[in-house]
Amino acid sequence: ILIAKVGCTPFDFHGWFNAHYTQTPRLIKTVAPEVKLPLVLEDILMACLEKQPHHRPQTVSEILGVLRSLPGSQAFQSSPRLIQVPDRNTLELELAQLETKVANQNLLTFPAQLENQNILCRPVINPSRLPALWVKLLHEQIQSVQIYQLYNQHYQNFLFCVPPEHPMLLWLTAIYNHQLGCRWFPCFVDLTTKQGKDLIYLMAKVNDYQLLFFDYEAPYGLSYQISRQIDFDNHKIIQQVVIQSQFQQYVGSVPSSTQRLKTKFNALKRNVERQMAVAYEKYRLNT
């Protein structure tokens, strides 16, 4: 930070690992001879980079003592503020609140009345006032999403039918990894219902939403969740749809709008899957 350079320049992860364990950092005066630092400051910095823990400063006070000896070091002269440690009653109250929060989350289950229906997702509004997509998956599929969370490719899109057609939303979400493949979660939302209106109005206000993954097997409990953001372009489209829907009349039907959205989905599906697979493999090879 002082000289805007690093003490070593490995090219990959293994190089960094080897450097941290075996390479002695170069002296500041060698890396950046144009930077003039007090010798005592350079010595304490190099001491902090020693490979063996017992060769480094053993306390913060030891480092502060050196810094306070430097010219113009008034910033280090004041006594450090003490951390206020909560009393026992406060700690017990916070622990109880945390346990209640965890318990409530664990009690969240997919509606039992839908257990025999082939419904994989449904839009809801969480108590946190964020739109959420509830998804049912086999437990091993949820584990795959968790294990490859650093590599998963995510896709989102919002397809609309607007007046004079029946107002409908097809909320498209997909996740890809080499084990899961491309898993789609298409969700149709009737924007003339109270639930649909509440959802689209909230989406127009916030650009965050959640993916909640529930076990496909009983008791259908919540296993995993992901927070996502609606990208800028989609968010603008959602806001425009909300404005249009307030002033226009429609004459279409739910089945006709649903079929039209399915056609749009099928037209883009294969190309999106191919792009996600390519992006996933490219990202894995580069990390």
Protein backbone atom coordinates (compact mmCIF):
# COMPACT_ATOMS: atom_id res chain seq x y z
CA ILE A 1 0.00 0.00 0.00
CA LEU A 2 2.83 2.40 0.81
CA ILE A 3 4.61 1.89 -2.53
CA ALA A 4 1.70 0.59 -4.70
CA LYS A 5 3.64 -2.61 -5.50
CA VAL A 6 3.76 -6.20 -4.27
CA GLY A 7 6.75 -7.94 -2.78
CA CYS A 8 6.51 -10.89 -5.18
CA THR A 9 4.90 -11.51 -8.59
CA PRO A 10 3.67 -15.10 -8.98
CA PHE A 11 1.49 -15.95 -11.99
CA ASP A 12 -1.08 -18.35 -10.56
CA PHE A 13 -2.59 -19.72 -7.35
CA HIS A 14 0.20 -22.25 -6.82
CA GLY A 15 2.74 -19.49 -7.26
CA TRP A 16 1.05 -17.35 -4.61
CA PHE A 17 0.90 -20.34 -2.26
CA ASN A 18 4.60 -21.04 -2.73
CA ALA A 19 5.49 -17.36 -2.33
CA HIS A 20 3.65 -17.04 0.97
CA TYR A 21 5.43 -20.05 2.42
CA THR A 22 8.93 -19.91 0.96
CA GLN A 23 9.87 -16.60 -0.69
CA THR A 24 11.36 -13.81 1.35
CA PRO A 25 9.67 -10.50 0.39
CA ARG A 26 11.92 -8.05 -1.39
CA LEU A 27 13.01 -4.96 0.54
CA ILE A 28 11.04 -1.80 -0.14
CA LYS A 29 14.20 0.07 -1.10
CA THR A 30 14.85 -2.65 -3.70
CA VAL A 31 11.33 -2.74 -5.15
CA ALA A 32 10.80 1.03 -5.13
CA PRO A 33 14.08 2.90 -4.58
CA GLU A 34 12.35 6.20 -5.35
CA VAL A 35 10.24 5.84 -2.17
CA LYS A 36 12.08 7.18 0.84
CA LEU A 37 10.81 5.63 4.07
CA PRO A 38 12.32 5.92 7.54
CA LEU A 39 14.53 2.90 8.16
CA VAL A 40 12.65 2.05 11.37
CA LEU A 41 9.34 1.95 9.44
CA GLU A 42 10.75 -0.35 6.78
CA ASP A 43 12.18 -2.63 9.48
CA ILE A 44 8.81 -3.02 11.26
CA LEU A 45 7.03 -3.66 7.95
CA MET A 46 9.50 -6.38 6.98
CA ALA A 47 9.24 -7.86 10.48
CA CYS A 48 5.47 -8.19 10.02
CA LEU A 49 6.14 -10.23 6.84
CA GLU A 50 8.43 -12.76 8.52
CA LYS A 51 7.58 -16.39 7.72
CA GLN A 52 7.97 -17.60 11.28
CA PRO A 53 5.34 -16.26 13.73
CA HIS A 54 7.83 -15.88 16.56
CA HIS A 55 9.94 -13.56 14.38
CA ARG A 56 7.04 -11.11 13.91
CA PRO A 57 5.93 -8.42 16.40
CA GLN A 58 4.01 -10.23 19.11
CA THR A 59 1.61 -7.42 20.07
CA VAL A 60 -0.06 -4.39 18.50
CA SER A 61 1.52 -2.29 21.23
CA GLU A 62 4.95 -3.22 19.88
CA ILE A 63 4.00 -1.92 16.42
CA LEU A 64 2.38 1.23 17.83
CA GLY A 65 5.52 1.92 19.83
CA VAL A 66 7.54 2.06 16.61
CA LEU A 67 4.93 4.18 14.80
CA ARG A 68 4.77 6.67 17.68
CA SER A 69 8.52 7.18 17.44
CA LEU A 70 8.21 8.46 13.86
CA PRO A 71 8.14 12.20 13.10
CA GLY A 72 4.60 13.55 12.68
CA SER A 73 3.00 10.50 14.35
CA GLN A 74 0.43 12.39 16.45
CA ALA A 75 -2.33 10.15 15.05
CA PHE A 76 -0.89 7.24 17.02
CA GLN A 77 -0.46 9.11 20.32
CA SER A 78 -4.05 8.89 21.58
CA SER A 79 -5.08 5.95 23.68
CA PRO A 80 -7.02 3.30 21.79
CA ARG A 81 -10.76 3.15 22.51
CA LEU A 82 -11.81 0.23 24.65
CA ILE A 83 -14.33 -2.19 23.20
CA GLN A 84 -17.54 -2.27 25.23
CA VAL A 85 -18.26 -5.87 26.17
CA PRO A 86 -22.01 -6.58 26.59
CA ASP A 87 -23.12 -7.88 29.97
CA ARG A 88 -24.34 -11.44 30.43
CA ASN A 89 -28.05 -10.56 30.23
CA THR A 90 -27.55 -8.76 26.90
CA LEU A 91 -25.59 -11.67 25.45
CA GLU A 92 -28.25 -14.18 26.55
CA LEU A 93 -31.01 -12.04 24.99
CA GLU A 94 -29.14 -11.75 21.68
CA LEU A 95 -28.51 -15.51 21.66
CA ALA A 96 -32.19 -16.24 22.29
CA GLN A 97 -33.19 -13.90 19.43
CA LEU A 98 -30.72 -15.61 17.11
CA GLU A 99 -32.01 -19.08 18.05
CA THR A 100 -35.60 -17.93 17.39
CA LYS A 101 -34.61 -16.55 13.98
CA VAL A 102 -32.89 -19.82 12.99
CA ALA A 103 -35.83 -21.88 14.27
CA ASN A 104 -38.32 -19.80 12.27
CA GLN A 105 -36.24 -20.24 9.13
CA ASN A 106 -36.04 -23.98 9.63
CA LEU A 107 -39.84 -24.12 10.07
CA LEU A 108 -40.35 -22.56 6.63
CA THR A 109 -41.75 -25.30 4.40
CA PHE A 110 -43.24 -25.59 0.94
CA PRO A 111 -47.09 -25.69 1.15
CA ALA A 112 -48.17 -29.24 1.94
CA GLN A 113 -51.29 -28.91 -0.23
CA LEU A 114 -49.04 -28.73 -3.29
CA GLU A 115 -47.05 -31.88 -2.49
CA ASN A 116 -48.83 -34.02 -5.11
CA GLN A 117 -48.84 -31.38 -7.82
CA ASN A 118 -46.14 -30.93 -10.41
CA ILE A 119 -45.35 -27.38 -9.23
CA LEU A 120 -41.68 -26.53 -8.83
CA CYS A 121 -41.89 -22.85 -7.99
CA ARG A 122 -44.24 -20.12 -6.89
CA PRO A 123 -43.78 -16.37 -6.40
CA VAL A 124 -44.23 -14.98 -2.92
CA ILE A 125 -43.26 -11.89 -0.95
CA ASN A 126 -41.06 -12.73 2.04
CA PRO A 127 -41.41 -11.04 5.46
CA SER A 128 -38.23 -9.15 4.49
CA ARG A 129 -40.34 -7.47 1.80
CA LEU A 130 -38.31 -8.95 -1.04
CA PRO A 131 -39.75 -10.88 -3.98
CA ALA A 132 -38.91 -14.56 -3.70
CA LEU A 133 -39.07 -17.59 -5.94
CA TRP A 134 -39.75 -20.83 -4.06
CA VAL A 135 -38.21 -23.84 -5.80
CA LYS A 136 -38.63 -27.54 -5.07
CA LEU A 137 -35.65 -29.77 -5.94
CA LEU A 138 -34.30 -33.15 -4.96
CA HIS A 139 -31.87 -32.84 -2.05
CA GLU A 140 -28.85 -33.93 -4.12
CA GLN A 141 -29.70 -31.26 -6.70
CA ILE A 142 -29.79 -28.58 -4.00
CA GLN A 143 -26.41 -29.85 -2.77
CA SER A 144 -25.04 -29.46 -6.30
CA VAL A 145 -26.17 -25.82 -6.35
CA GLN A 146 -24.40 -25.28 -3.01
CA ILE A 147 -21.18 -27.14 -3.83
CA TYR A 148 -20.62 -25.32 -7.13
CA GLN A 149 -21.86 -21.93 -5.96
CA LEU A 150 -18.62 -20.25 -7.07
CA TYR A 151 -18.96 -21.62 -10.60
CA ASN A 152 -22.73 -21.74 -11.15
CA GLN A 153 -23.98 -19.75 -14.12
CA HIS A 154 -27.21 -17.85 -13.44
CA TYR A 155 -29.76 -16.60 -15.96
CA GLN A 156 -32.73 -14.32 -15.41
CA ASN A 157 -35.33 -12.88 -17.73
CA PHE A 158 -38.82 -11.40 -17.43
CA LEU A 159 -41.14 -11.97 -20.39
CA PHE A 160 -44.42 -10.07 -20.49
CA CYS A 161 -47.76 -10.06 -22.20
CA VAL A 162 -49.26 -6.58 -21.93
CA PRO A 163 -52.64 -5.10 -22.91
CA PRO A 164 -54.57 -5.60 -25.09
CA GLU A 165 -53.46 -9.17 -24.26
CA HIS A 166 -54.15 -10.54 -20.78
CA PRO A 167 -51.36 -9.12 -18.55
CA MET A 168 -49.00 -11.97 -17.67
CA LEU A 169 -45.41 -12.37 -16.52
CA LEU A 170 -43.13 -15.32 -17.23
CA TRP A 171 -40.37 -15.06 -14.61
CA LEU A 172 -37.46 -17.08 -16.01
CA THR A 173 -34.63 -18.30 -13.79
CA ALA A 174 -31.99 -20.89 -14.69
CA ILE A 175 -28.89 -22.31 -13.00
CA TYR A 176 -26.18 -24.29 -14.76
CA ASN A 177 -23.28 -26.41 -13.57
CA HIS A 178 -21.70 -29.56 -15.00
CA GLN A 179 -23.38 -31.84 -12.45
CA LEU A 180 -26.85 -30.29 -12.41
CA GLY A 181 -26.94 -29.39 -16.09
CA CYS A 182 -29.19 -26.47 -16.97
CA ARG A 183 -32.10 -26.32 -14.55
CA TRP A 184 -34.97 -23.97 -15.48
CA PHE A 185 -37.52 -22.52 -13.07
CA PRO A 186 -40.19 -20.90 -15.25
CA CYS A 187 -42.93 -19.21 -13.26
CA PHE A 188 -46.12 -17.76 -14.76
CA VAL A 189 -47.72 -14.87 -12.88
CA ASP A 190 -51.17 -13.46 -13.62
CA LEU A 191 -50.74 -9.71 -13.20
CA THR A 192 -54.47 -9.12 -12.74
CA THR A 193 -54.55 -10.96 -9.38
CA LYS A 194 -53.72 -9.31 -6.06
CA GLN A 195 -50.67 -11.55 -5.62
CA GLY A 196 -49.45 -10.72 -9.12
CA LYS A 197 -49.95 -6.98 -8.65
CA ASP A 198 -48.22 -6.97 -5.28
CA LEU A 199 -45.27 -8.87 -6.75
CA ILE A 200 -44.77 -6.70 -9.84
CA TYR A 201 -45.19 -3.45 -7.88
CA LEU A 202 -42.55 -4.60 -5.40
CA MET A 203 -40.21 -5.63 -8.22
CA ALA A 204 -40.57 -2.15 -9.67
CA LYS A 205 -39.41 -0.65 -6.35
CA VAL A 206 -36.55 -2.96 -5.41
CA ASN A 207 -34.01 -4.76 -7.56
CA ASP A 208 -33.25 -7.61 -5.14
CA TYR A 209 -34.98 -10.97 -4.90
CA GLN A 210 -34.37 -14.37 -3.32
CA LEU A 211 -34.28 -17.94 -4.59
CA LEU A 212 -35.42 -20.34 -1.85
CA PHE A 213 -34.70 -24.03 -2.38
CA PHE A 214 -36.96 -26.57 -0.67
CA ASP A 215 -36.52 -30.34 -0.47
CA TYR A 216 -38.76 -32.22 -2.89
CA GLU A 217 -39.18 -34.92 -0.25
CA ALA A 218 -41.26 -34.51 2.93
CA PRO A 219 -41.28 -32.41 5.07
CA TYR A 220 -40.37 -30.04 2.18
CA GLY A 221 -38.20 -27.84 4.40
CA LEU A 222 -36.05 -24.91 3.32
CA SER A 223 -32.53 -26.15 2.53
CA TYR A 224 -30.76 -23.28 0.81
CA GLN A 225 -31.28 -19.73 -0.38
CA ILE A 226 -29.60 -17.35 -2.80
CA SER A 227 -29.91 -13.57 -3.02
CA ARG A 228 -29.92 -12.13 -6.54
CA GLN A 229 -30.33 -8.75 -8.19
CA ILE A 230 -32.57 -7.85 -11.11
CA ASP A 231 -30.28 -6.39 -13.76
CA PHE A 232 -30.72 -2.79 -14.86
CA ASP A 233 -32.42 -3.45 -18.21
CA ASN A 234 -34.95 -5.90 -16.77
CA HIS A 235 -35.71 -3.53 -13.91
CA LYS A 236 -36.51 -0.72 -16.35
CA ILE A 237 -38.83 -3.00 -18.34
CA ILE A 238 -40.67 -4.01 -15.16
CA GLN A 239 -41.19 -0.37 -14.22
CA GLN A 240 -42.57 0.39 -17.70
CA VAL A 241 -44.99 -2.55 -17.51
CA VAL A 242 -46.31 -1.33 -14.15
CA ILE A 243 -47.00 2.12 -15.63
CA GLN A 244 -48.69 0.72 -18.75
CA SER A 245 -50.89 -1.72 -16.83
CA GLN A 246 -52.48 1.09 -14.82
CA PHE A 247 -54.02 2.83 -17.84
CA GLN A 248 -54.71 0.18 -20.50
CA GLN A 249 -57.61 -2.24 -20.87
CA TYR A 250 -57.15 -5.85 -21.94
CA VAL A 251 -59.35 -8.30 -23.81
CA GLY A 252 -57.13 -11.40 -24.02
CA SER A 253 -57.31 -14.55 -21.88
CA VAL A 254 -54.94 -16.30 -19.50
CA PRO A 255 -54.51 -19.38 -21.78
CA SER A 256 -53.67 -17.26 -24.83
CA SER A 257 -51.11 -15.15 -22.94
CA THR A 258 -49.60 -18.27 -21.36
CA GLN A 259 -49.18 -19.90 -24.76
CA ARG A 260 -47.62 -16.77 -26.22
CA LEU A 261 -45.08 -16.61 -23.38
CA LYS A 262 -44.26 -20.31 -23.78
CA THR A 263 -43.49 -19.66 -27.45
CA LYS A 264 -41.12 -16.82 -26.52
CA PHE A 265 -39.44 -19.04 -23.93
CA ASN A 266 -38.92 -21.94 -26.35
CA ALA A 267 -37.40 -19.55 -28.91
CA LEU A 268 -34.58 -18.48 -26.58
CA LYS A 269 -34.12 -21.57 -24.40
CA ARG A 270 -31.59 -23.57 -26.45
CA ASN A 271 -29.34 -20.58 -27.19
CA VAL A 272 -29.27 -19.57 -23.49
CA GLU A 273 -28.36 -23.11 -22.42
CA ARG A 274 -25.48 -23.20 -24.90
CA GLN A 275 -24.16 -19.83 -23.73
CA MET A 276 -24.35 -20.85 -20.06
CA ALA A 277 -22.44 -24.09 -20.71
CA VAL A 278 -19.67 -22.25 -22.58
CA ALA A 279 -19.40 -19.55 -19.88
CA TYR A 280 -19.29 -22.19 -17.12
CA GLU A 281 -16.44 -24.17 -18.69
CA LYS A 282 -14.50 -21.00 -19.51
CA TYR A 283 -14.81 -19.78 -15.92
CA ARG A 284 -13.71 -23.16 -14.49
CA LEU A 285 -10.64 -23.27 -16.72
CA ASN A 286 -9.61 -19.75 -15.72
CA THR A 287 -9.89 -20.31 -11.95
